[in-house]
């Protein structure tokens, strides 16, 4: 049995979507960031980083979204090595650049102590998120065919755009992708569970 520690609207929901997509039974455990649950000794025993997602598996505990996605959905990684590398290129960009851009909106304290710096980072978020969208839109034709694990990561990040001051409709391919993902039963399931 799998146990997913998640926080609503966070990237941990990408793991929930993948579990739903693969029809893997799991128990969802809410980590309420608004109450500081990620900083409690009980949670830090599970993940000393104080972050989600955390997936408890029969093989042990996994953290980091990309690693978890590859573990639970290996069939959604392209068999062709170059296509698999393209998929990872997209996912690592979304993880290492776009997700970080978004985090500057609410988590400035990770990078700076001065509150003025936090405010400056927050002001920059619409610009950096829009630039990430433009980059992905321009390279959309390079994506591997078919559903991949990168799609779960990307979908959740695209759900953050409105709150980041970016209109997804300015990027037609991303908007179409998000609409198609929203219609998937796996994505609907996480909405029904109040995760997104």
Protein backbone atom coordinates (compact mmCIF):
# COMPACT_ATOMS: atom_id res chain seq x y z
CA UNK A 1 0.00 0.00 0.00
CA UNK A 2 1.14 3.53 -0.74
CA UNK A 3 0.75 6.58 1.47
CA UNK A 4 1.06 10.01 -0.10
CA UNK A 5 1.78 13.00 2.13
CA UNK A 6 0.50 16.03 0.24
CA UNK A 7 -0.55 19.63 0.57
CA UNK A 8 -3.44 20.93 -1.58
CA UNK A 9 -2.49 22.85 -4.73
CA UNK A 10 1.19 21.98 -4.26
CA UNK A 11 3.33 19.97 -6.64
CA UNK A 12 2.59 16.91 -4.51
CA UNK A 13 -0.73 16.73 -6.37
CA UNK A 14 1.20 15.66 -9.50
CA UNK A 15 1.97 12.43 -7.65
CA UNK A 16 -1.70 11.97 -6.74
CA UNK A 17 -2.64 12.40 -10.42
CA UNK A 18 -0.07 9.77 -11.42
CA UNK A 19 -1.33 7.35 -8.77
CA UNK A 20 -4.88 7.86 -10.03
CA UNK A 21 -3.77 7.50 -13.67
CA UNK A 22 -2.04 4.20 -12.90
CA UNK A 23 -4.94 2.96 -10.72
CA UNK A 24 -2.59 2.48 -7.76
CA UNK A 25 -4.46 2.46 -4.44
CA UNK A 26 -3.12 4.95 -1.93
CA UNK A 27 -3.93 6.72 1.27
CA UNK A 28 -3.67 10.51 1.14
CA UNK A 29 -2.36 12.23 4.26
CA UNK A 30 -2.88 16.00 4.39
CA UNK A 31 0.14 18.05 5.47
CA UNK A 32 -1.47 21.38 6.38
CA UNK A 33 1.13 24.01 5.56
CA UNK A 34 -1.16 26.76 6.87
CA UNK A 35 -0.76 25.20 10.33
CA UNK A 36 2.98 24.53 9.92
CA UNK A 37 2.46 20.76 9.84
CA UNK A 38 5.55 20.36 7.65
CA UNK A 39 7.72 21.62 10.54
CA UNK A 40 6.44 19.26 13.22
CA UNK A 41 8.74 16.58 14.63
CA UNK A 42 6.32 13.88 13.46
CA UNK A 43 6.49 15.02 9.83
CA UNK A 44 10.22 15.74 9.93
CA UNK A 45 10.73 12.09 10.89
CA UNK A 46 9.06 11.19 7.60
CA UNK A 47 10.87 13.86 5.55
CA UNK A 48 13.62 15.87 7.26
CA UNK A 49 13.40 18.41 4.40
CA UNK A 50 9.94 19.44 5.61
CA UNK A 51 8.50 19.29 2.10
CA UNK A 52 5.92 17.39 0.11
CA UNK A 53 5.44 15.11 -1.68
CA UNK A 54 6.46 12.14 0.38
CA UNK A 55 5.46 8.70 -0.82
CA UNK A 56 5.65 5.80 1.58
CA UNK A 57 6.04 2.65 -0.52
CA UNK A 58 6.55 -1.04 0.23
CA UNK A 59 10.20 -0.43 -0.68
CA UNK A 60 10.70 2.61 1.56
CA UNK A 61 10.12 6.37 1.57
CA UNK A 62 10.61 8.49 -1.53
CA UNK A 63 10.74 12.28 -1.84
CA UNK A 64 11.20 14.61 -4.84
CA UNK A 65 8.39 14.66 -7.37
CA UNK A 66 10.32 13.57 -10.44
CA UNK A 67 11.82 10.55 -8.69
CA UNK A 68 8.44 9.50 -7.32
CA UNK A 69 6.78 9.85 -10.73
CA UNK A 70 9.42 7.65 -12.36
CA UNK A 71 8.99 5.04 -9.64
CA UNK A 72 5.20 4.77 -9.79
CA UNK A 73 4.68 5.26 -13.54
CA UNK A 74 7.65 3.76 -15.43
CA UNK A 75 5.36 2.88 -18.34
CA UNK A 76 4.77 6.61 -18.86
CA UNK A 77 8.45 7.21 -19.60
CA UNK A 78 9.13 6.85 -23.34
CA UNK A 79 11.02 3.67 -24.26
CA UNK A 80 13.17 5.49 -26.81
CA UNK A 81 16.18 6.98 -24.98
CA UNK A 82 16.08 10.28 -26.88
CA UNK A 83 12.33 10.71 -26.32
CA UNK A 84 12.86 9.89 -22.64
CA UNK A 85 15.59 12.53 -22.48
CA UNK A 86 13.26 15.08 -24.11
CA UNK A 87 10.59 14.26 -21.53
CA UNK A 88 13.09 14.75 -18.71
CA UNK A 89 14.32 17.96 -20.32
CA UNK A 90 10.79 19.36 -20.07
CA UNK A 91 10.18 18.03 -16.57
CA UNK A 92 13.51 19.26 -15.22
CA UNK A 93 12.90 22.69 -16.74
CA UNK A 94 9.46 22.87 -15.12
CA UNK A 95 10.96 21.62 -11.83
CA UNK A 96 14.20 23.58 -11.77
CA UNK A 97 13.08 26.85 -13.34
CA UNK A 98 9.32 27.31 -13.53
CA UNK A 99 8.53 25.84 -10.12
CA UNK A 100 11.26 27.99 -8.57
CA UNK A 101 9.90 31.07 -10.35
CA UNK A 102 6.53 30.38 -8.76
CA UNK A 103 8.05 29.80 -5.32
CA UNK A 104 9.43 33.35 -5.32
CA UNK A 105 5.81 34.51 -4.98
CA UNK A 106 5.32 32.95 -1.55
CA UNK A 107 8.63 31.57 -0.34
CA UNK A 108 11.09 34.44 -0.67
CA UNK A 109 12.54 33.60 2.73
CA UNK A 110 14.23 30.60 1.13
CA UNK A 111 16.52 32.99 -0.77
CA UNK A 112 16.71 36.23 1.21
CA UNK A 113 16.19 37.56 4.73
CA UNK A 114 15.27 41.14 3.83
CA UNK A 115 11.51 41.64 3.45
CA UNK A 116 12.17 44.16 0.68
CA UNK A 117 13.90 41.40 -1.26
CA UNK A 118 10.85 39.17 -0.82
CA UNK A 119 8.62 41.91 -2.21
CA UNK A 120 10.95 42.38 -5.17
CA UNK A 121 10.94 38.65 -5.90
CA UNK A 122 7.16 38.58 -5.71
CA UNK A 123 6.86 41.47 -8.19
CA UNK A 124 9.04 39.56 -10.66
CA UNK A 125 6.92 36.37 -10.64
CA UNK A 126 4.46 37.32 -13.42
CA UNK A 127 7.40 38.14 -15.69
CA UNK A 128 9.39 34.98 -14.97
CA UNK A 129 6.38 32.69 -15.15
CA UNK A 130 5.31 34.27 -18.45
CA UNK A 131 8.84 33.78 -19.79
CA UNK A 132 8.69 30.11 -18.79
CA UNK A 133 5.36 29.73 -20.56
CA UNK A 134 6.75 31.38 -23.69
CA UNK A 135 9.74 29.03 -23.61
CA UNK A 136 7.55 25.93 -23.32
CA UNK A 137 5.14 27.19 -25.97
CA UNK A 138 8.02 27.73 -28.40
CA UNK A 139 9.40 24.23 -27.83
CA UNK A 140 6.04 22.45 -27.66
CA UNK A 141 6.70 20.54 -30.90
CA UNK A 142 9.66 18.77 -29.23
CA UNK A 143 7.50 17.02 -26.65
CA UNK A 144 7.31 13.22 -26.93
CA UNK A 145 4.04 11.80 -28.24
CA UNK A 146 1.55 10.43 -25.76
CA UNK A 147 1.06 10.94 -22.04
CA UNK A 148 4.25 11.06 -19.97
CA UNK A 149 5.06 11.66 -16.32
CA UNK A 150 6.22 15.18 -17.22
CA UNK A 151 2.60 16.02 -18.06
CA UNK A 152 1.50 15.58 -14.45
CA UNK A 153 4.20 17.94 -13.21
CA UNK A 154 3.50 20.51 -15.91
CA UNK A 155 -0.26 20.44 -15.39
CA UNK A 156 -0.03 21.27 -11.70
CA UNK A 157 2.39 24.13 -12.36
CA UNK A 158 0.04 25.51 -15.02
CA UNK A 159 -2.72 25.53 -12.40
CA UNK A 160 -0.69 28.15 -10.53
CA UNK A 161 -0.54 30.63 -13.43
CA UNK A 162 -3.66 32.62 -12.59
CA UNK A 163 -2.43 33.23 -9.04
CA UNK A 164 0.92 34.24 -10.49
CA UNK A 165 -0.66 36.89 -12.71
CA UNK A 166 -0.28 35.02 -16.00
CA UNK A 167 -3.09 34.37 -18.49
CA UNK A 168 -2.62 30.85 -19.85
CA UNK A 169 -4.74 31.78 -22.88
CA UNK A 170 -1.80 33.81 -24.17
CA UNK A 171 -0.12 30.43 -24.78
CA UNK A 172 -2.56 28.41 -26.93
CA UNK A 173 -0.71 25.11 -26.83
CA UNK A 174 -0.32 25.23 -23.05
CA UNK A 175 -3.99 26.23 -22.69
CA UNK A 176 -5.07 23.33 -24.90
CA UNK A 177 -2.85 20.94 -22.97
CA UNK A 178 -4.27 22.12 -19.62
CA UNK A 179 -7.83 21.76 -20.88
CA UNK A 180 -7.16 18.22 -22.12
CA UNK A 181 -5.47 17.24 -18.86
CA UNK A 182 -8.35 18.72 -16.83
CA UNK A 183 -10.71 16.35 -18.65
CA UNK A 184 -8.74 13.21 -17.69
CA UNK A 185 -10.43 11.02 -15.05
CA UNK A 186 -7.20 10.98 -13.02
CA UNK A 187 -7.16 14.76 -12.81
CA UNK A 188 -10.88 14.91 -12.08
CA UNK A 189 -10.31 12.47 -9.21
CA UNK A 190 -7.88 14.79 -7.46
CA UNK A 191 -10.29 17.70 -7.88
CA UNK A 192 -13.04 15.56 -6.40
CA UNK A 193 -10.78 14.83 -3.41
CA UNK A 194 -10.15 18.56 -2.88
CA UNK A 195 -6.44 18.31 -3.73
CA UNK A 196 -6.60 20.93 -6.48
